[in-house]
Amino acid sequence: MKVEQISIFIENKSGRLAEITRILGDAGINIRALSLADTTDFGILRLIVNDGNLAKTVLKEKGFTVNMTEVVAVEVPDTPGGLSSILQVLDRQQINVEYMYAFVERCAGNAVIIFRFDETDKAISVLKSENFNILEGERLYSM
């Protein structure tokens, strides 16, 4: 039920993002979802890719600092209040969302949101008990 995400720490300067995407493309790695957060000096690029281990290896070989993190992909009703319904369930159980971002594709008419929780296993259990669909990593990597 957990999805592997890679996080790359990059300098906030022209060309770094292009360099990373070129490295991944040259290695045959497909980016499925991404989020970029930045400050004045550096950024954190978070990616869901079709081969996280290969991505980590090729980026480290090029001198990038890369970490692997487990996140959760949840189908969210693509209707007004859809995201709120999930967040309300999590709030009742006092599960904190550290960050989230959208997936590139829709799934059966629903949006897919990537979540990072402070209590991942608890969040998965709670969401499943409330009949939210948690997507397997293998399904995301090949969508």
C-alpha atoms as a PDB file:
ATOM      1  CA  MET A   1       0.000   0.000   0.000  1.00  0.00           C
ATOM      2  CA  LYS A   2       2.980   2.331   0.267  1.00  0.00           C
ATOM      3  CA  VAL A   3       4.605   4.009  -2.707  1.00  0.00           C
ATOM      4  CA  GLU A   4       8.307   4.771  -3.058  1.00  0.00           C
ATOM      5  CA  GLN A   5       9.123   8.413  -3.615  1.00  0.00           C
ATOM      6  CA  ILE A   6      12.536   9.855  -4.305  1.00  0.00           C
ATOM      7  CA  SER A   7      13.497  13.268  -2.945  1.00  0.00           C
ATOM      8  CA  ILE A   8      16.338  15.171  -4.576  1.00  0.00           C
ATOM      9  CA  PHE A   9      17.961  18.178  -2.948  1.00  0.00           C
ATOM     10  CA  ILE A  10      18.915  20.712  -5.607  1.00  0.00           C
ATOM     11  CA  GLU A  11      20.417  24.147  -5.762  1.00  0.00           C
ATOM     12  CA  ASN A  12      17.917  26.813  -6.683  1.00  0.00           C
ATOM     13  CA  LYS A  13      19.632  27.919  -9.874  1.00  0.00           C
ATOM     14  CA  SER A  14      18.907  27.842 -13.564  1.00  0.00           C
ATOM     15  CA  GLY A  15      19.386  24.503 -15.301  1.00  0.00           C
ATOM     16  CA  ARG A  16      19.411  22.150 -12.306  1.00  0.00           C
ATOM     17  CA  LEU A  17      15.878  20.883 -12.864  1.00  0.00           C
ATOM     18  CA  ALA A  18      16.573  20.418 -16.567  1.00  0.00           C
ATOM     19  CA  GLU A  19      19.717  18.462 -15.686  1.00  0.00           C
ATOM     20  CA  ILE A  20      17.831  16.094 -13.390  1.00  0.00           C
ATOM     21  CA  THR A  21      15.096  15.415 -15.910  1.00  0.00           C
ATOM     22  CA  ARG A  22      17.706  14.812 -18.631  1.00  0.00           C
ATOM     23  CA  ILE A  23      19.583  12.327 -16.434  1.00  0.00           C
ATOM     24  CA  LEU A  24      16.371  10.456 -15.661  1.00  0.00           C
ATOM     25  CA  GLY A  25      15.217  10.504 -19.289  1.00  0.00           C
ATOM     26  CA  ASP A  26      18.574   9.236 -20.528  1.00  0.00           C
ATOM     27  CA  ALA A  27      18.260   6.329 -18.055  1.00  0.00           C
ATOM     28  CA  GLY A  28      14.779   5.466 -19.353  1.00  0.00           C
ATOM     29  CA  ILE A  29      13.060   6.560 -16.151  1.00  0.00           C
ATOM     30  CA  ASN A  30       9.507   7.851 -16.461  1.00  0.00           C
ATOM     31  CA  ILE A  31       8.306  10.525 -14.032  1.00  0.00           C
ATOM     32  CA  ARG A  32       4.750   9.738 -12.882  1.00  0.00           C
ATOM     33  CA  ALA A  33       4.217  12.533 -10.324  1.00  0.00           C
ATOM     34  CA  LEU A  34       6.260  15.408  -8.980  1.00  0.00           C
ATOM     35  CA  SER A  35       6.361  18.200  -6.476  1.00  0.00           C
ATOM     36  CA  LEU A  36       8.924  20.967  -6.173  1.00  0.00           C
ATOM     37  CA  ALA A  37       9.319  23.084  -3.051  1.00  0.00           C
ATOM     38  CA  ASP A  38      11.955  25.761  -2.945  1.00  0.00           C
ATOM     39  CA  THR A  39      13.635  28.319  -0.749  1.00  0.00           C
ATOM     40  CA  THR A  40      16.041  31.045  -1.785  1.00  0.00           C
ATOM     41  CA  ASP A  41      19.052  28.716  -1.977  1.00  0.00           C
ATOM     42  CA  PHE A  42      17.796  25.164  -2.538  1.00  0.00           C
ATOM     43  CA  GLY A  43      14.796  23.056  -3.430  1.00  0.00           C
ATOM     44  CA  ILE A  44      13.407  19.617  -2.773  1.00  0.00           C
ATOM     45  CA  LEU A  45      12.156  17.790  -5.842  1.00  0.00           C
ATOM     46  CA  ARG A  46       9.895  14.877  -4.940  1.00  0.00           C
ATOM     47  CA  LEU A  47       9.193  12.307  -7.638  1.00  0.00           C
ATOM     48  CA  ILE A  48       7.240   9.118  -8.165  1.00  0.00           C
ATOM     49  CA  VAL A  49       9.010   7.275 -10.979  1.00  0.00           C
ATOM     50  CA  ASN A  50       8.714   3.894 -12.644  1.00  0.00           C
ATOM     51  CA  ASP A  51      12.066   2.712 -11.181  1.00  0.00           C
ATOM     52  CA  GLY A  52      13.010   4.452  -7.942  1.00  0.00           C
ATOM     53  CA  ASN A  53      16.134   2.406  -7.294  1.00  0.00           C
ATOM     54  CA  LEU A  54      17.597   3.138 -10.719  1.00  0.00           C
ATOM     55  CA  ALA A  55      16.684   6.820 -10.383  1.00  0.00           C
ATOM     56  CA  LYS A  56      18.422   6.997  -7.020  1.00  0.00           C
ATOM     57  CA  THR A  57      21.527   5.298  -8.409  1.00  0.00           C
ATOM     58  CA  VAL A  58      21.921   7.448 -11.530  1.00  0.00           C
ATOM     59  CA  LEU A  59      21.297  10.692  -9.665  1.00  0.00           C
ATOM     60  CA  LYS A  60      23.755   9.814  -6.893  1.00  0.00           C
ATOM     61  CA  GLU A  61      26.350   8.962  -9.547  1.00  0.00           C
ATOM     62  CA  LYS A  62      25.902  12.527 -10.833  1.00  0.00           C
ATOM     63  CA  GLY A  63      26.468  13.986  -7.370  1.00  0.00           C
ATOM     64  CA  PHE A  64      22.906  14.643  -6.251  1.00  0.00           C
ATOM     65  CA  THR A  65      21.700  14.000  -2.710  1.00  0.00           C
ATOM     66  CA  VAL A  66      18.775  11.584  -3.000  1.00  0.00           C
ATOM     67  CA  ASN A  67      16.549   9.995  -0.360  1.00  0.00           C
ATOM     68  CA  MET A  68      13.805   7.392  -0.629  1.00  0.00           C
ATOM     69  CA  THR A  69      10.579   7.971   1.293  1.00  0.00           C
ATOM     70  CA  GLU A  70       7.352   6.033   1.597  1.00  0.00           C
ATOM     71  CA  VAL A  71       4.175   7.894   0.682  1.00  0.00           C
ATOM     72  CA  VAL A  72       0.571   6.850   0.111  1.00  0.00           C
ATOM     73  CA  ALA A  73      -1.474   7.274  -3.083  1.00  0.00           C
ATOM     74  CA  VAL A  74      -5.186   7.695  -2.452  1.00  0.00           C
ATOM     75  CA  GLU A  75      -8.051   7.938  -4.924  1.00  0.00           C
ATOM     76  CA  VAL A  76      -9.951  11.117  -4.137  1.00  0.00           C
ATOM     77  CA  PRO A  77     -13.445  11.745  -5.476  1.00  0.00           C
ATOM     78  CA  ASP A  78     -13.091  14.391  -8.174  1.00  0.00           C
ATOM     79  CA  THR A  79     -16.050  16.350  -6.871  1.00  0.00           C
ATOM     80  CA  PRO A  80     -16.466  19.420  -4.676  1.00  0.00           C
ATOM     81  CA  GLY A  81     -15.556  18.325  -1.145  1.00  0.00           C
ATOM     82  CA  GLY A  82     -13.769  15.147  -2.284  1.00  0.00           C
ATOM     83  CA  LEU A  83     -10.440  16.078  -0.757  1.00  0.00           C
ATOM     84  CA  SER A  84     -12.164  17.464   2.318  1.00  0.00           C
ATOM     85  CA  SER A  85     -13.816  14.089   2.984  1.00  0.00           C
ATOM     86  CA  ILE A  86     -10.412  12.419   3.302  1.00  0.00           C
ATOM     87  CA  LEU A  87      -8.896  15.221   5.338  1.00  0.00           C
ATOM     88  CA  GLN A  88     -11.830  15.158   7.774  1.00  0.00           C
ATOM     89  CA  VAL A  89     -11.303  11.420   8.402  1.00  0.00           C
ATOM     90  CA  LEU A  90      -7.608  11.985   9.030  1.00  0.00           C
ATOM     91  CA  ASP A  91      -8.284  14.947  11.298  1.00  0.00           C
ATOM     92  CA  ARG A  92     -10.686  12.924  13.466  1.00  0.00           C
ATOM     93  CA  GLN A  93      -7.878  10.397  14.006  1.00  0.00           C
ATOM     94  CA  GLN A  94      -5.319  13.187  14.586  1.00  0.00           C
ATOM     95  CA  ILE A  95      -3.170  12.106  11.634  1.00  0.00           C
ATOM     96  CA  ASN A  96      -1.056  14.938  10.285  1.00  0.00           C
ATOM     97  CA  VAL A  97      -0.534  15.450   6.562  1.00  0.00           C
ATOM     98  CA  GLU A  98       3.084  16.576   6.210  1.00  0.00           C
ATOM     99  CA  TYR A  99       2.635  17.341   2.512  1.00  0.00           C
ATOM    100  CA  MET A 100       0.662  16.209  -0.512  1.00  0.00           C
ATOM    101  CA  TYR A 101       0.585  16.668  -4.255  1.00  0.00           C
ATOM    102  CA  ALA A 102      -1.460  15.459  -7.188  1.00  0.00           C
ATOM    103  CA  PHE A 103      -0.664  12.517  -9.434  1.00  0.00           C
ATOM    104  CA  VAL A 104      -0.428  13.061 -13.183  1.00  0.00           C
ATOM    105  CA  GLU A 105      -3.389  10.881 -14.193  1.00  0.00           C
ATOM    106  CA  ARG A 106      -6.891  10.209 -13.016  1.00  0.00           C
ATOM    107  CA  CYS A 107      -8.008   6.752 -11.941  1.00  0.00           C
ATOM    108  CA  ALA A 108     -11.532   5.569 -12.748  1.00  0.00           C
ATOM    109  CA  GLY A 109     -12.754   9.167 -12.841  1.00  0.00           C
ATOM    110  CA  ASN A 110     -11.106  10.044  -9.522  1.00  0.00           C
ATOM    111  CA  ALA A 111      -8.130  12.256  -8.834  1.00  0.00           C
ATOM    112  CA  VAL A 112      -5.082  10.619  -7.248  1.00  0.00           C
ATOM    113  CA  ILE A 113      -3.317  12.484  -4.453  1.00  0.00           C
ATOM    114  CA  ILE A 114       0.077  11.542  -3.006  1.00  0.00           C
ATOM    115  CA  PHE A 115       0.231  12.011   0.767  1.00  0.00           C
ATOM    116  CA  ARG A 116       3.076  11.985   3.266  1.00  0.00           C
ATOM    117  CA  PHE A 117       1.756  11.322   6.777  1.00  0.00           C
ATOM    118  CA  ASP A 118       3.365  11.470  10.182  1.00  0.00           C
ATOM    119  CA  GLU A 119       1.819   8.038  10.899  1.00  0.00           C
ATOM    120  CA  THR A 120       1.717   6.251   7.549  1.00  0.00           C
ATOM    121  CA  ASP A 121       0.496   2.830   8.687  1.00  0.00           C
ATOM    122  CA  LYS A 122      -2.235   4.343  10.847  1.00  0.00           C
ATOM    123  CA  ALA A 123      -3.338   6.588   7.980  1.00  0.00           C
ATOM    124  CA  ILE A 124      -3.586   3.613   5.613  1.00  0.00           C
ATOM    125  CA  SER A 125      -5.626   1.648   8.144  1.00  0.00           C
ATOM    126  CA  VAL A 126      -7.987   4.550   8.813  1.00  0.00           C
ATOM    127  CA  LEU A 127      -8.511   5.359   5.144  1.00  0.00           C
ATOM    128  CA  LYS A 128      -9.151   1.718   4.256  1.00  0.00           C
ATOM    129  CA  SER A 129     -11.660   1.390   7.107  1.00  0.00           C
ATOM    130  CA  GLU A 130     -13.500   4.403   5.632  1.00  0.00           C
ATOM    131  CA  ASN A 131     -13.517   2.707   2.180  1.00  0.00           C
ATOM    132  CA  PHE A 132     -11.036   5.023   0.490  1.00  0.00           C
ATOM    133  CA  ASN A 133      -9.041   3.285  -2.246  1.00  0.00           C
ATOM    134  CA  ILE A 134      -5.296   3.135  -1.583  1.00  0.00           C
ATOM    135  CA  LEU A 135      -3.339   2.452  -4.772  1.00  0.00           C
ATOM    136  CA  GLU A 136      -0.448   0.004  -4.947  1.00  0.00           C
ATOM    137  CA  GLY A 137       2.908   1.349  -6.044  1.00  0.00           C
ATOM    138  CA  GLU A 138       3.156  -1.063  -8.966  1.00  0.00           C
ATOM    139  CA  ARG A 139      -0.103   0.287 -10.356  1.00  0.00           C
ATOM    140  CA  LEU A 140       1.145   3.873 -10.169  1.00  0.00           C
ATOM    141  CA  TYR A 141       4.512   3.161 -11.730  1.00  0.00           C
ATOM    142  CA  SER A 142       2.871   1.699 -14.829  1.00  0.00           C
ATOM    143  CA  MET A 143      -0.148   4.035 -15.255  1.00  0.00           C
END
